[in-house]
C-alpha cells in the first residue's frame, strides 16, 4: 500500500496493501478495498459498496470554502440577533 499526502481514513475503513491512495483522497466508513488499483487524486470512497466521487477541487480548498460559508452564515445569524445600540 502506498499513501500520498493529505489523505483521510475513517477508522473502520479497510484498505489492502495493493491499493495506491493518491493526494487528497478520503476513504469513508465501512469501505473495504481489496483489489489492486490506484485511486485518482481527490477521490472520495463511501458506503459499503465503495461508491466513488471524484472532486475537481482539492480537499483542503473545498474544506476551507465550506468553513468560510459556515462562518458567513453564522455571522449573518448573529447580526440578526444582536441587540440594537
PDB file of N, CA and C in Angstrom:
ATOM      1  N   UNK A   1       0.843  -1.173   0.000  1.00  0.00           N
ATOM      2  CA  UNK A   1       0.000   0.000   0.000  1.00  0.00           C
ATOM      3  C   UNK A   1       0.884   1.229   0.000  1.00  0.00           C
ATOM      4  N   UNK A   2       0.554   2.185  -0.853  1.00  0.00           N
ATOM      5  CA  UNK A   2       1.277   3.442  -0.939  1.00  0.00           C
ATOM      6  C   UNK A   2       0.296   4.571  -0.676  1.00  0.00           C
ATOM      7  N   UNK A   3       0.637   5.467   0.231  1.00  0.00           N
ATOM      8  CA  UNK A   3      -0.252   6.557   0.609  1.00  0.00           C
ATOM      9  C   UNK A   3       0.472   7.876   0.401  1.00  0.00           C
ATOM     10  N   UNK A   4      -0.171   8.807  -0.309  1.00  0.00           N
ATOM     11  CA  UNK A   4       0.392  10.143  -0.524  1.00  0.00           C
ATOM     12  C   UNK A   4      -0.054  11.085   0.588  1.00  0.00           C
ATOM     13  N   UNK A   5       0.214  12.359   0.404  1.00  0.00           N
ATOM     14  CA  UNK A   5      -0.126  13.377   1.407  1.00  0.00           C
ATOM     15  C   UNK A   5      -1.622  13.683   1.398  1.00  0.00           C
ATOM     16  N   UNK A   6      -2.063  14.297   2.451  1.00  0.00           N
ATOM     17  CA  UNK A   6      -3.416  14.847   2.622  1.00  0.00           C
ATOM     18  C   UNK A   6      -4.517  13.834   2.344  1.00  0.00           C
ATOM     19  N   UNK A   7      -4.388  12.653   2.888  1.00  0.00           N
ATOM     20  CA  UNK A   7      -5.435  11.635   2.764  1.00  0.00           C
ATOM     21  C   UNK A   7      -6.153  11.516   4.110  1.00  0.00           C
ATOM     22  N   UNK A   8      -7.388  11.062   4.056  1.00  0.00           N
ATOM     23  CA  UNK A   8      -8.181  10.909   5.270  1.00  0.00           C
ATOM     24  C   UNK A   8      -8.807   9.524   5.278  1.00  0.00           C
ATOM     25  N   UNK A   9      -8.606   8.796   6.371  1.00  0.00           N
ATOM     26  CA  UNK A   9      -9.199   7.475   6.539  1.00  0.00           C
ATOM     27  C   UNK A   9     -10.112   7.489   7.754  1.00  0.00           C
ATOM     28  N   UNK A  10     -11.319   6.987   7.590  1.00  0.00           N
ATOM     29  CA  UNK A  10     -12.203   6.801   8.726  1.00  0.00           C
ATOM     30  C   UNK A  10     -11.750   5.507   9.403  1.00  0.00           C
ATOM     31  N   UNK A  11     -11.721   5.431  10.743  1.00  0.00           N
ATOM     32  CA  UNK A  11     -11.132   4.279  11.426  1.00  0.00           C
ATOM     33  C   UNK A  11     -11.683   2.911  11.021  1.00  0.00           C
ATOM     34  N   UNK A  12     -12.942   2.806  10.621  1.00  0.00           N
ATOM     35  CA  UNK A  12     -13.483   1.489  10.284  1.00  0.00           C
ATOM     36  C   UNK A  12     -13.253   1.103   8.822  1.00  0.00           C
ATOM     37  N   UNK A  13     -12.532   1.919   8.063  1.00  0.00           N
ATOM     38  CA  UNK A  13     -12.235   1.603   6.658  1.00  0.00           C
ATOM     39  C   UNK A  13     -11.123   0.563   6.577  1.00  0.00           C
ATOM     40  N   UNK A  14     -11.225  -0.306   5.566  1.00  0.00           N
ATOM     41  CA  UNK A  14     -10.204  -1.326   5.352  1.00  0.00           C
ATOM     42  C   UNK A  14      -9.636  -1.142   3.951  1.00  0.00           C
ATOM     43  N   UNK A  15      -8.315  -0.925   3.875  1.00  0.00           N
ATOM     44  CA  UNK A  15      -7.635  -0.728   2.592  1.00  0.00           C
ATOM     45  C   UNK A  15      -6.501  -1.740   2.525  1.00  0.00           C
ATOM     46  N   UNK A  16      -6.497  -2.570   1.469  1.00  0.00           N
ATOM     47  CA  UNK A  16      -5.469  -3.602   1.355  1.00  0.00           C
ATOM     48  C   UNK A  16      -4.131  -3.000   0.932  1.00  0.00           C
ATOM     49  N   UNK A  17      -3.100  -3.801   1.008  1.00  0.00           N
ATOM     50  CA  UNK A  17      -1.765  -3.326   0.661  1.00  0.00           C
ATOM     51  C   UNK A  17      -1.570  -3.153  -0.837  1.00  0.00           C
ATOM     52  N   UNK A  18      -2.529  -3.596  -1.650  1.00  0.00           N
ATOM     53  CA  UNK A  18      -2.425  -3.483  -3.100  1.00  0.00           C
ATOM     54  C   UNK A  18      -3.015  -2.181  -3.634  1.00  0.00           C
ATOM     55  N   UNK A  19      -3.581  -1.371  -2.769  1.00  0.00           N
ATOM     56  CA  UNK A  19      -4.228  -0.122  -3.191  1.00  0.00           C
ATOM     57  C   UNK A  19      -3.242   1.035  -3.032  1.00  0.00           C
ATOM     58  N   UNK A  20      -3.154   1.868  -4.067  1.00  0.00           N
ATOM     59  CA  UNK A  20      -2.354   3.084  -4.018  1.00  0.00           C
ATOM     60  C   UNK A  20      -3.307   4.259  -3.847  1.00  0.00           C
ATOM     61  N   UNK A  21      -3.139   4.980  -2.756  1.00  0.00           N
ATOM     62  CA  UNK A  21      -4.008   6.112  -2.446  1.00  0.00           C
ATOM     63  C   UNK A  21      -3.235   7.394  -2.756  1.00  0.00           C
ATOM     64  N   UNK A  22      -3.766   8.204  -3.675  1.00  0.00           N
ATOM     65  CA  UNK A  22      -3.070   9.417  -4.102  1.00  0.00           C
ATOM     66  C   UNK A  22      -3.497  10.617  -3.260  1.00  0.00           C
ATOM     67  N   UNK A  23      -3.011  11.798  -3.600  1.00  0.00           N
ATOM     68  CA  UNK A  23      -3.257  13.022  -2.831  1.00  0.00           C
ATOM     69  C   UNK A  23      -4.738  13.376  -2.746  1.00  0.00           C
ATOM     70  N   UNK A  24      -5.158  13.796  -1.567  1.00  0.00           N
ATOM     71  CA  UNK A  24      -6.495  14.324  -1.372  1.00  0.00           C
ATOM     72  C   UNK A  24      -7.612  13.308  -1.333  1.00  0.00           C
ATOM     73  N   UNK A  25      -7.305  12.040  -1.174  1.00  0.00           N
ATOM     74  CA  UNK A  25      -8.349  11.009  -1.160  1.00  0.00           C
ATOM     75  C   UNK A  25      -8.938  10.834   0.240  1.00  0.00           C
ATOM     76  N   UNK A  26     -10.213  10.460   0.277  1.00  0.00           N
ATOM     77  CA  UNK A  26     -10.905  10.173   1.528  1.00  0.00           C
ATOM     78  C   UNK A  26     -11.526   8.792   1.407  1.00  0.00           C
ATOM     79  N   UNK A  27     -11.234   7.919   2.361  1.00  0.00           N
ATOM     80  CA  UNK A  27     -11.828   6.591   2.393  1.00  0.00           C
ATOM     81  C   UNK A  27     -12.763   6.559   3.590  1.00  0.00           C
ATOM     82  N   UNK A  28     -14.066   6.404   3.316  1.00  0.00           N
ATOM     83  CA  UNK A  28     -15.093   6.522   4.337  1.00  0.00           C
ATOM     84  C   UNK A  28     -15.353   5.258   5.118  1.00  0.00           C
ATOM     85  N   UNK A  29     -16.302   5.364   6.015  1.00  0.00           N
ATOM     86  CA  UNK A  29     -16.646   4.274   6.914  1.00  0.00           C
ATOM     87  C   UNK A  29     -17.232   3.079   6.157  1.00  0.00           C
ATOM     88  N   UNK A  30     -16.972   1.894   6.644  1.00  0.00           N
ATOM     89  CA  UNK A  30     -17.479   0.628   6.104  1.00  0.00           C
ATOM     90  C   UNK A  30     -16.951   0.298   4.715  1.00  0.00           C
ATOM     91  N   UNK A  31     -15.937   1.000   4.231  1.00  0.00           N
ATOM     92  CA  UNK A  31     -15.370   0.694   2.910  1.00  0.00           C
ATOM     93  C   UNK A  31     -14.302  -0.384   3.051  1.00  0.00           C
ATOM     94  N   UNK A  32     -14.369  -1.354   2.157  1.00  0.00           N
ATOM     95  CA  UNK A  32     -13.361  -2.416   2.099  1.00  0.00           C
ATOM     96  C   UNK A  32     -12.792  -2.436   0.693  1.00  0.00           C
ATOM     97  N   UNK A  33     -11.539  -2.063   0.574  1.00  0.00           N
ATOM     98  CA  UNK A  33     -10.883  -2.015  -0.734  1.00  0.00           C
ATOM     99  C   UNK A  33      -9.821  -3.103  -0.774  1.00  0.00           C
ATOM    100  N   UNK A  34     -10.097  -4.153  -1.547  1.00  0.00           N
ATOM    101  CA  UNK A  34      -9.195  -5.299  -1.603  1.00  0.00           C
ATOM    102  C   UNK A  34      -8.532  -5.492  -2.962  1.00  0.00           C
ATOM    103  N   UNK A  35      -8.997  -4.801  -3.980  1.00  0.00           N
ATOM    104  CA  UNK A  35      -8.457  -5.027  -5.324  1.00  0.00           C
ATOM    105  C   UNK A  35      -7.186  -4.214  -5.540  1.00  0.00           C
ATOM    106  N   UNK A  36      -6.414  -4.604  -6.546  1.00  0.00           N
ATOM    107  CA  UNK A  36      -5.194  -3.883  -6.889  1.00  0.00           C
ATOM    108  C   UNK A  36      -5.587  -2.713  -7.774  1.00  0.00           C
ATOM    109  N   UNK A  37      -5.436  -1.490  -7.252  1.00  0.00           N
ATOM    110  CA  UNK A  37      -5.833  -0.308  -8.004  1.00  0.00           C
ATOM    111  C   UNK A  37      -5.125   0.933  -7.485  1.00  0.00           C
ATOM    112  N   UNK A  38      -5.169   1.982  -8.282  1.00  0.00           N
ATOM    113  CA  UNK A  38      -4.653   3.288  -7.912  1.00  0.00           C
ATOM    114  C   UNK A  38      -5.811   4.272  -7.963  1.00  0.00           C
ATOM    115  N   UNK A  39      -6.087   4.925  -6.854  1.00  0.00           N
ATOM    116  CA  UNK A  39      -7.175   5.900  -6.809  1.00  0.00           C
ATOM    117  C   UNK A  39      -6.724   7.205  -7.452  1.00  0.00           C
ATOM    118  N   UNK A  40      -7.563   7.801  -8.296  1.00  0.00           N
ATOM    119  CA  UNK A  40      -7.224   9.125  -8.836  1.00  0.00           C
ATOM    120  C   UNK A  40      -7.182  10.159  -7.705  1.00  0.00           C
ATOM    121  N   UNK A  41      -6.484  11.262  -7.932  1.00  0.00           N
ATOM    122  CA  UNK A  41      -6.405  12.306  -6.911  1.00  0.00           C
ATOM    123  C   UNK A  41      -7.786  12.856  -6.577  1.00  0.00           C
ATOM    124  N   UNK A  42      -7.956  13.237  -5.313  1.00  0.00           N
ATOM    125  CA  UNK A  42      -9.180  13.862  -4.798  1.00  0.00           C
ATOM    126  C   UNK A  42     -10.413  12.977  -4.934  1.00  0.00           C
ATOM    127  N   UNK A  43     -10.246  11.674  -4.785  1.00  0.00           N
ATOM    128  CA  UNK A  43     -11.364  10.740  -4.854  1.00  0.00           C
ATOM    129  C   UNK A  43     -11.922  10.507  -3.455  1.00  0.00           C
ATOM    130  N   UNK A  44     -13.244  10.446  -3.359  1.00  0.00           N
ATOM    131  CA  UNK A  44     -13.907  10.125  -2.100  1.00  0.00           C
ATOM    132  C   UNK A  44     -14.581   8.773  -2.270  1.00  0.00           C
ATOM    133  N   UNK A  45     -14.257   7.832  -1.394  1.00  0.00           N
ATOM    134  CA  UNK A  45     -14.849   6.495  -1.406  1.00  0.00           C
ATOM    135  C   UNK A  45     -15.803   6.428  -0.215  1.00  0.00           C
ATOM    136  N   UNK A  46     -17.049   6.012  -0.456  1.00  0.00           N
ATOM    137  CA  UNK A  46     -18.035   5.971   0.624  1.00  0.00           C
ATOM    138  C   UNK A  46     -18.973   4.789   0.441  1.00  0.00           C
ATOM    139  N   UNK A  47     -19.669   4.408   1.474  1.00  0.00           N
ATOM    140  CA  UNK A  47     -20.652   3.329   1.568  1.00  0.00           C
ATOM    141  C   UNK A  47     -19.997   1.951   1.492  1.00  0.00           C
ATOM    142  N   UNK A  48     -20.682   0.915   1.969  1.00  0.00           N
ATOM    143  CA  UNK A  48     -20.133  -0.439   1.912  1.00  0.00           C
ATOM    144  C   UNK A  48     -19.880  -0.932   0.485  1.00  0.00           C
ATOM    145  N   UNK A  49     -20.568  -0.358  -0.494  1.00  0.00           N
ATOM    146  CA  UNK A  49     -20.348  -0.743  -1.900  1.00  0.00           C
ATOM    147  C   UNK A  49     -19.148  -0.020  -2.506  1.00  0.00           C
ATOM    148  N   UNK A  50     -18.470   0.800  -1.735  1.00  0.00           N
ATOM    149  CA  UNK A  50     -17.310   1.581  -2.193  1.00  0.00           C
ATOM    150  C   UNK A  50     -17.640   2.464  -3.395  1.00  0.00           C
ATOM    151  N   UNK A  51     -18.727   3.190  -3.286  1.00  0.00           N
ATOM    152  CA  UNK A  51     -19.076   4.145  -4.342  1.00  0.00           C
ATOM    153  C   UNK A  51     -18.022   5.242  -4.369  1.00  0.00           C
ATOM    154  N   UNK A  52     -17.832   5.836  -5.557  1.00  0.00           N
ATOM    155  CA  UNK A  52     -16.761   6.813  -5.726  1.00  0.00           C
ATOM    156  C   UNK A  52     -17.276   8.145  -6.222  1.00  0.00           C
ATOM    157  N   UNK A  53     -16.598   9.172  -5.778  1.00  0.00           N
ATOM    158  CA  UNK A  53     -16.895  10.525  -6.209  1.00  0.00           C
ATOM    159  C   UNK A  53     -15.556  11.234  -6.371  1.00  0.00           C
ATOM    160  N   UNK A  54     -15.277  11.738  -7.554  1.00  0.00           N
ATOM    161  CA  UNK A  54     -14.019  12.446  -7.804  1.00  0.00           C
ATOM    162  C   UNK A  54     -14.271  13.946  -7.756  1.00  0.00           C
ATOM    163  N   UNK A  55     -13.584  14.613  -6.872  1.00  0.00           N
ATOM    164  CA  UNK A  55     -13.719  16.059  -6.748  1.00  0.00           C
ATOM    165  C   UNK A  55     -12.721  16.729  -7.687  1.00  0.00           C
ATOM    166  N   UNK A  56     -13.139  17.820  -8.282  1.00  0.00           N
ATOM    167  CA  UNK A  56     -12.239  18.576  -9.143  1.00  0.00           C
ATOM    168  C   UNK A  56     -11.389  19.560  -8.335  1.00  0.00           C
ATOM    169  N   UNK A  57     -11.877  19.923  -7.145  1.00  0.00           N
ATOM    170  CA  UNK A  57     -11.166  20.851  -6.274  1.00  0.00           C
ATOM    171  C   UNK A  57     -10.478  20.037  -5.183  1.00  0.00           C
ATOM    172  N   UNK A  58      -9.214  20.330  -4.883  1.00  0.00           N
ATOM    173  CA  UNK A  58      -8.544  19.596  -3.805  1.00  0.00           C
ATOM    174  C   UNK A  58      -9.298  19.709  -2.486  1.00  0.00           C
ATOM    175  N   UNK A  59      -9.150  18.705  -1.642  1.00  0.00           N
ATOM    176  CA  UNK A  59      -9.896  18.615  -0.392  1.00  0.00           C
ATOM    177  C   UNK A  59      -9.664  19.821   0.517  1.00  0.00           C
ATOM    178  N   UNK A  60      -8.413  20.280   0.658  1.00  0.00           N
ATOM    179  CA  UNK A  60      -8.148  21.399   1.553  1.00  0.00           C
ATOM    180  C   UNK A  60      -8.879  22.652   1.095  1.00  0.00           C
ATOM    181  N   UNK A  61      -8.882  22.912  -0.208  1.00  0.00           N
ATOM    182  CA  UNK A  61      -9.563  24.087  -0.740  1.00  0.00           C
ATOM    183  C   UNK A  61     -11.058  23.960  -0.506  1.00  0.00           C
ATOM    184  N   UNK A  62     -11.596  22.771  -0.729  1.00  0.00           N
ATOM    185  CA  UNK A  62     -13.021  22.540  -0.526  1.00  0.00           C
ATOM    186  C   UNK A  62     -13.403  22.740   0.939  1.00  0.00           C
ATOM    187  N   UNK A  63     -12.591  22.219   1.869  1.00  0.00           N
ATOM    188  CA  UNK A  63     -12.876  22.381   3.290  1.00  0.00           C
ATOM    189  C   UNK A  63     -12.780  23.840   3.715  1.00  0.00           C
ATOM    190  N   UNK A  64     -11.808  24.565   3.177  1.00  0.00           N
ATOM    191  CA  UNK A  64     -11.685  25.978   3.511  1.00  0.00           C
ATOM    192  C   UNK A  64     -12.900  26.752   3.019  1.00  0.00           C
ATOM    193  N   UNK A  65     -13.370  26.455   1.822  1.00  0.00           N
ATOM    194  CA  UNK A  65     -14.562  27.125   1.295  1.00  0.00           C
ATOM    195  C   UNK A  65     -15.780  26.808   2.148  1.00  0.00           C
ATOM    196  N   UNK A  66     -15.939  25.554   2.545  1.00  0.00           N
ATOM    197  CA  UNK A  66     -17.055  25.159   3.398  1.00  0.00           C
ATOM    198  C   UNK A  66     -16.991  25.907   4.722  1.00  0.00           C
ATOM    199  N   UNK A  67     -15.801  26.000   5.295  1.00  0.00           N
ATOM    200  CA  UNK A  67     -15.622  26.718   6.553  1.00  0.00           C
ATOM    201  C   UNK A  67     -15.996  28.193   6.399  1.00  0.00           C
ATOM    202  N   UNK A  68     -15.562  28.829   5.308  1.00  0.00           N
ATOM    203  CA  UNK A  68     -15.876  30.238   5.097  1.00  0.00           C
ATOM    204  C   UNK A  68     -17.375  30.461   4.928  1.00  0.00           C
ATOM    205  N   UNK A  69     -18.051  29.576   4.201  1.00  0.00           N
ATOM    206  CA  UNK A  69     -19.501  29.706   4.049  1.00  0.00           C
ATOM    207  C   UNK A  69     -20.203  29.531   5.402  1.00  0.00           C
ATOM    208  N   UNK A  70     -19.718  28.603   6.225  1.00  0.00           N
ATOM    209  CA  UNK A  70     -20.296  28.393   7.547  1.00  0.00           C
ATOM    210  C   UNK A  70     -20.131  29.640   8.407  1.00  0.00           C
ATOM    211  N   UNK A  71     -18.931  30.218   8.405  1.00  0.00           N
ATOM    212  CA  UNK A  71     -18.670  31.434   9.174  1.00  0.00           C
ATOM    213  C   UNK A  71     -19.579  32.567   8.702  1.00  0.00           C
ATOM    214  N   UNK A  72     -19.758  32.677   7.375  1.00  0.00           N
ATOM    215  CA  UNK A  72     -20.616  33.725   6.825  1.00  0.00           C
ATOM    216  C   UNK A  72     -22.047  33.557   7.323  1.00  0.00           C
ATOM    217  N   UNK A  73     -22.565  32.330   7.301  1.00  0.00           N
ATOM    218  CA  UNK A  73     -23.932  32.071   7.747  1.00  0.00           C
ATOM    219  C   UNK A  73     -24.106  32.332   9.241  1.00  0.00           C
ATOM    220  N   UNK A  74     -23.157  31.888  10.041  1.00  0.00           N
ATOM    221  CA  UNK A  74     -23.238  32.093  11.488  1.00  0.00           C
ATOM    222  C   UNK A  74     -23.158  33.580  11.809  1.00  0.00           C
ATOM    223  N   UNK A  75     -22.260  34.292  11.148  1.00  0.00           N
ATOM    224  CA  UNK A  75     -22.124  35.734  11.378  1.00  0.00           C
ATOM    225  C   UNK A  75     -23.408  36.465  11.014  1.00  0.00           C
ATOM    226  N   UNK A  76     -24.020  36.096   9.902  1.00  0.00           N
ATOM    227  CA  UNK A  76     -25.271  36.739   9.491  1.00  0.00           C
ATOM    228  C   UNK A  76     -26.370  36.499  10.520  1.00  0.00           C
ATOM    229  N   UNK A  77     -26.458  35.279  11.064  1.00  0.00           N
ATOM    230  CA  UNK A  77     -27.476  34.981  12.073  1.00  0.00           C
ATOM    231  C   UNK A  77     -27.211  35.737  13.372  1.00  0.00           C
ATOM    232  N   UNK A  78     -25.948  35.856  13.753  1.00  0.00           N
ATOM    233  CA  UNK A  78     -25.610  36.602  14.961  1.00  0.00           C
ATOM    234  C   UNK A  78     -25.933  38.081  14.804  1.00  0.00           C
ATOM    235  N   UNK A  79     -25.725  38.612  13.614  1.00  0.00           N
ATOM    236  CA  UNK A  79     -26.030  40.028  13.373  1.00  0.00           C
ATOM    237  C   UNK A  79     -27.530  40.272  13.496  1.00  0.00           C
ATOM    238  N   UNK A  80     -28.351  39.313  13.116  1.00  0.00           N
ATOM    239  CA  UNK A  80     -29.799  39.465  13.241  1.00  0.00           C
ATOM    240  C   UNK A  80     -30.234  39.440  14.697  1.00  0.00           C
ATOM    241  N   UNK A  81     -29.545  38.669  15.531  1.00  0.00           N
ATOM    242  CA  UNK A  81     -29.926  38.525  16.922  1.00  0.00           C
ATOM    243  C   UNK A  81     -29.279  39.565  17.824  1.00  0.00           C
ATOM    244  N   UNK A  82     -28.303  40.299  17.318  1.00  0.00           N
ATOM    245  CA  UNK A  82     -27.591  41.275  18.138  1.00  0.00           C
ATOM    246  C   UNK A  82     -28.528  42.414  18.530  1.00  0.00           C
ATOM    247  N   UNK A  83     -28.453  42.848  19.775  1.00  0.00           N
ATOM    248  CA  UNK A  83     -29.303  43.970  20.191  1.00  0.00           C
ATOM    249  C   UNK A  83     -28.874  45.268  19.508  1.00  0.00           C
ATOM    250  N   UNK A  84     -29.838  46.100  19.186  1.00  0.00           N
ATOM    251  CA  UNK A  84     -29.540  47.383  18.541  1.00  0.00           C
ATOM    252  C   UNK A  84     -28.992  48.353  19.582  1.00  0.00           C
ATOM    253  N   UNK A  85     -27.976  49.082  19.223  1.00  0.00           N
ATOM    254  CA  UNK A  85     -27.376  50.071  20.145  1.00  0.00           C
ATOM    255  C   UNK A  85     -27.955  51.430  19.928  1.00  0.00           C
TER     256      UNK A  85
END
